[in-house]
C-alpha atoms as a PDB file:
ATOM      1  CA  UNK A   1      -7.522  61.575   1.430  1.00  0.00           C
ATOM      2  CA  UNK A   2      -4.649  60.644   3.686  1.00  0.00           C
ATOM      3  CA  UNK A   3      -4.644  61.627   7.316  1.00  0.00           C
ATOM      4  CA  UNK A   4      -1.564  63.051   8.987  1.00  0.00           C
ATOM      5  CA  UNK A   5      -0.535  63.075  12.631  1.00  0.00           C
ATOM      6  CA  UNK A   6       1.019  66.384  13.660  1.00  0.00           C
ATOM      7  CA  UNK A   7       2.548  66.140  17.126  1.00  0.00           C
ATOM      8  CA  UNK A   8       4.987  67.669  19.564  1.00  0.00           C
ATOM      9  CA  UNK A   9       6.964  66.216  22.430  1.00  0.00           C
ATOM     10  CA  UNK A  10       6.068  66.615  26.075  1.00  0.00           C
ATOM     11  CA  UNK A  11       8.027  69.538  27.423  1.00  0.00           C
ATOM     12  CA  UNK A  12       8.315  71.272  24.039  1.00  0.00           C
ATOM     13  CA  UNK A  13       6.260  74.179  25.357  1.00  0.00           C
ATOM     14  CA  UNK A  14       8.025  74.475  28.726  1.00  0.00           C
ATOM     15  CA  UNK A  15       9.915  77.554  27.494  1.00  0.00           C
ATOM     16  CA  UNK A  16       6.697  79.583  27.289  1.00  0.00           C
ATOM     17  CA  UNK A  17       6.270  81.995  30.229  1.00  0.00           C
ATOM     18  CA  UNK A  18       3.047  81.611  32.221  1.00  0.00           C
ATOM     19  CA  UNK A  19       1.851  85.068  31.195  1.00  0.00           C
ATOM     20  CA  UNK A  20       2.007  84.057  27.494  1.00  0.00           C
ATOM     21  CA  UNK A  21      -0.264  81.001  27.853  1.00  0.00           C
ATOM     22  CA  UNK A  22      -3.505  82.883  27.139  1.00  0.00           C
ATOM     23  CA  UNK A  23      -2.030  84.136  23.845  1.00  0.00           C
ATOM     24  CA  UNK A  24      -0.782  80.656  22.943  1.00  0.00           C
ATOM     25  CA  UNK A  25      -4.202  79.170  23.696  1.00  0.00           C
ATOM     26  CA  UNK A  26      -5.943  81.813  21.591  1.00  0.00           C
ATOM     27  CA  UNK A  27      -3.542  81.335  18.669  1.00  0.00           C
ATOM     28  CA  UNK A  28      -3.858  77.549  18.868  1.00  0.00           C
ATOM     29  CA  UNK A  29      -7.653  77.675  18.885  1.00  0.00           C
ATOM     30  CA  UNK A  30      -7.596  80.053  15.909  1.00  0.00           C
ATOM     31  CA  UNK A  31      -5.581  77.498  13.906  1.00  0.00           C
ATOM     32  CA  UNK A  32      -7.990  74.734  14.929  1.00  0.00           C
ATOM     33  CA  UNK A  33     -10.936  76.897  13.831  1.00  0.00           C
ATOM     34  CA  UNK A  34      -9.200  77.583  10.514  1.00  0.00           C
ATOM     35  CA  UNK A  35      -8.666  73.839   9.997  1.00  0.00           C
ATOM     36  CA  UNK A  36     -12.305  73.129  10.930  1.00  0.00           C
ATOM     37  CA  UNK A  37     -13.477  75.801   8.479  1.00  0.00           C
ATOM     38  CA  UNK A  38     -11.237  74.307   5.778  1.00  0.00           C
ATOM     39  CA  UNK A  39     -12.765  70.869   6.407  1.00  0.00           C
ATOM     40  CA  UNK A  40      -9.428  69.211   7.232  1.00  0.00           C
ATOM     41  CA  UNK A  41      -9.619  68.927  11.047  1.00  0.00           C
ATOM     42  CA  UNK A  42     -10.141  65.378  12.327  1.00  0.00           C
ATOM     43  CA  UNK A  43      -9.154  65.492  15.988  1.00  0.00           C
ATOM     44  CA  UNK A  44      -6.495  66.741  18.359  1.00  0.00           C
ATOM     45  CA  UNK A  45      -5.583  67.539  21.909  1.00  0.00           C
ATOM     46  CA  UNK A  46      -2.928  67.744  24.546  1.00  0.00           C
ATOM     47  CA  UNK A  47      -1.923  64.808  26.681  1.00  0.00           C
ATOM     48  CA  UNK A  48      -1.799  64.993  30.455  1.00  0.00           C
ATOM     49  CA  UNK A  49       1.727  65.018  31.799  1.00  0.00           C
ATOM     50  CA  UNK A  50       1.746  61.577  33.356  1.00  0.00           C
ATOM     51  CA  UNK A  51       3.397  58.213  33.002  1.00  0.00           C
ATOM     52  CA  UNK A  52       1.735  56.003  30.458  1.00  0.00           C
ATOM     53  CA  UNK A  53       0.564  52.505  31.242  1.00  0.00           C
ATOM     54  CA  UNK A  54       1.719  49.704  28.981  1.00  0.00           C
ATOM     55  CA  UNK A  55      -0.725  46.837  28.455  1.00  0.00           C
ATOM     56  CA  UNK A  56       0.992  43.666  27.228  1.00  0.00           C
ATOM     57  CA  UNK A  57      -0.576  41.124  24.903  1.00  0.00           C
ATOM     58  CA  UNK A  58      -1.381  38.964  27.918  1.00  0.00           C
ATOM     59  CA  UNK A  59      -3.174  41.874  29.620  1.00  0.00           C
ATOM     60  CA  UNK A  60      -0.481  42.583  32.197  1.00  0.00           C
ATOM     61  CA  UNK A  61      -0.270  46.325  32.927  1.00  0.00           C
ATOM     62  CA  UNK A  62       3.062  47.981  33.740  1.00  0.00           C
ATOM     63  CA  UNK A  63       4.231  51.560  34.100  1.00  0.00           C
ATOM     64  CA  UNK A  64       5.709  53.058  30.983  1.00  0.00           C
ATOM     65  CA  UNK A  65       7.096  54.248  28.812  1.00  0.00           C
ATOM     66  CA  UNK A  66      10.223  52.222  29.110  1.00  0.00           C
ATOM     67  CA  UNK A  67      13.045  53.888  31.125  1.00  0.00           C
ATOM     68  CA  UNK A  68      15.188  54.326  28.003  1.00  0.00           C
ATOM     69  CA  UNK A  69      12.435  56.373  26.326  1.00  0.00           C
ATOM     70  CA  UNK A  70      13.486  60.006  26.400  1.00  0.00           C
ATOM     71  CA  UNK A  71      10.619  61.622  24.493  1.00  0.00           C
ATOM     72  CA  UNK A  72       6.874  61.138  24.674  1.00  0.00           C
ATOM     73  CA  UNK A  73       4.066  62.918  22.854  1.00  0.00           C
ATOM     74  CA  UNK A  74       2.743  66.019  24.595  1.00  0.00           C
ATOM     75  CA  UNK A  75      -0.008  66.877  22.134  1.00  0.00           C
ATOM     76  CA  UNK A  76      -1.266  66.074  18.675  1.00  0.00           C
ATOM     77  CA  UNK A  77      -3.552  67.020  15.811  1.00  0.00           C
ATOM     78  CA  UNK A  78      -4.880  64.869  12.985  1.00  0.00           C
ATOM     79  CA  UNK A  79      -5.660  66.508   9.655  1.00  0.00           C
ATOM     80  CA  UNK A  80      -7.188  64.986   6.537  1.00  0.00           C
ATOM     81  CA  UNK A  81      -5.484  66.586   3.528  1.00  0.00           C
ATOM     82  CA  UNK A  82      -4.592  65.578  -0.027  1.00  0.00           C
ATOM     83  CA  UNK A  83      -0.802  65.898   0.189  1.00  0.00           C
ATOM     84  CA  UNK A  84       2.118  65.826   2.583  1.00  0.00           C
ATOM     85  CA  UNK A  85       2.844  69.414   1.564  1.00  0.00           C
ATOM     86  CA  UNK A  86      -0.584  70.465   2.866  1.00  0.00           C
ATOM     87  CA  UNK A  87       0.078  68.606   6.130  1.00  0.00           C
ATOM     88  CA  UNK A  88       3.414  70.404   6.449  1.00  0.00           C
ATOM     89  CA  UNK A  89       1.678  73.747   5.869  1.00  0.00           C
ATOM     90  CA  UNK A  90      -0.806  73.009   8.674  1.00  0.00           C
ATOM     91  CA  UNK A  91       2.074  71.863  10.902  1.00  0.00           C
ATOM     92  CA  UNK A  92       3.794  75.208  10.278  1.00  0.00           C
ATOM     93  CA  UNK A  93       0.658  77.068  11.389  1.00  0.00           C
ATOM     94  CA  UNK A  94       0.378  74.888  14.494  1.00  0.00           C
ATOM     95  CA  UNK A  95       4.092  75.334  15.259  1.00  0.00           C
ATOM     96  CA  UNK A  96       3.758  79.111  15.097  1.00  0.00           C
ATOM     97  CA  UNK A  97       0.655  79.085  17.306  1.00  0.00           C
ATOM     98  CA  UNK A  98       2.077  76.648  19.873  1.00  0.00           C
ATOM     99  CA  UNK A  99       5.568  78.124  19.726  1.00  0.00           C
ATOM    100  CA  UNK A 100       7.185  74.729  19.312  1.00  0.00           C
ATOM    101  CA  UNK A 101       8.303  72.430  16.509  1.00  0.00           C
ATOM    102  CA  UNK A 102       5.870  69.828  15.188  1.00  0.00           C
ATOM    103  CA  UNK A 103       6.471  66.344  13.786  1.00  0.00           C
ATOM    104  CA  UNK A 104       4.439  65.171  10.788  1.00  0.00           C
ATOM    105  CA  UNK A 105       3.664  61.543   9.969  1.00  0.00           C
ATOM    106  CA  UNK A 106       1.206  60.055   7.512  1.00  0.00           C
ATOM    107  CA  UNK A 107      -1.230  57.631   9.121  1.00  0.00           C
ATOM    108  CA  UNK A 108      -1.576  54.270   7.444  1.00  0.00           C
ATOM    109  CA  UNK A 109      -4.891  53.888   5.662  1.00  0.00           C
ATOM    110  CA  UNK A 110      -7.167  51.043   6.710  1.00  0.00           C
ATOM    111  CA  UNK A 111      -9.898  50.478   4.121  1.00  0.00           C
ATOM    112  CA  UNK A 112     -11.586  47.810   6.261  1.00  0.00           C
ATOM    113  CA  UNK A 113     -12.012  50.170   9.213  1.00  0.00           C
ATOM    114  CA  UNK A 114     -13.205  52.925   6.861  1.00  0.00           C
ATOM    115  CA  UNK A 115     -15.823  50.529   5.488  1.00  0.00           C
ATOM    116  CA  UNK A 116     -16.946  49.637   9.017  1.00  0.00           C
ATOM    117  CA  UNK A 117     -17.336  53.312   9.889  1.00  0.00           C
ATOM    118  CA  UNK A 118     -19.247  54.072   6.694  1.00  0.00           C
ATOM    119  CA  UNK A 119     -21.577  51.161   7.392  1.00  0.00           C
ATOM    120  CA  UNK A 120     -22.108  52.508  10.911  1.00  0.00           C
ATOM    121  CA  UNK A 121     -22.868  55.879   9.266  1.00  0.00           C
ATOM    122  CA  UNK A 122     -20.008  57.561  11.126  1.00  0.00           C
ATOM    123  CA  UNK A 123     -18.134  58.678   8.000  1.00  0.00           C
ATOM    124  CA  UNK A 124     -19.281  59.999   4.628  1.00  0.00           C
END
């Protein structure tokens, strides 16, 4: 089945008052548990609010993202579902729980990596 990246931008949850954070955390974890129970959860998490480092092909490390970049990812989930419609349904649940819009993108399949993981007994 295809995997989908569901993500939101850094700062997308800044509108949430501090006193609401426990409720947001509880709602978010309930959606994760639902996805785990449904067998579609792959991985997810929030990203620390910090500047990224960019590693060039020659190994040189610079601060990033580039100055012209206005949006960076603040958090993400990966789900393994049969259709884009299912991914959109999970994104809607996550959006409601996190109180912010979510972006949905299909991850490109890589049969060679899947074969490596199966051989290493890390995937079914």
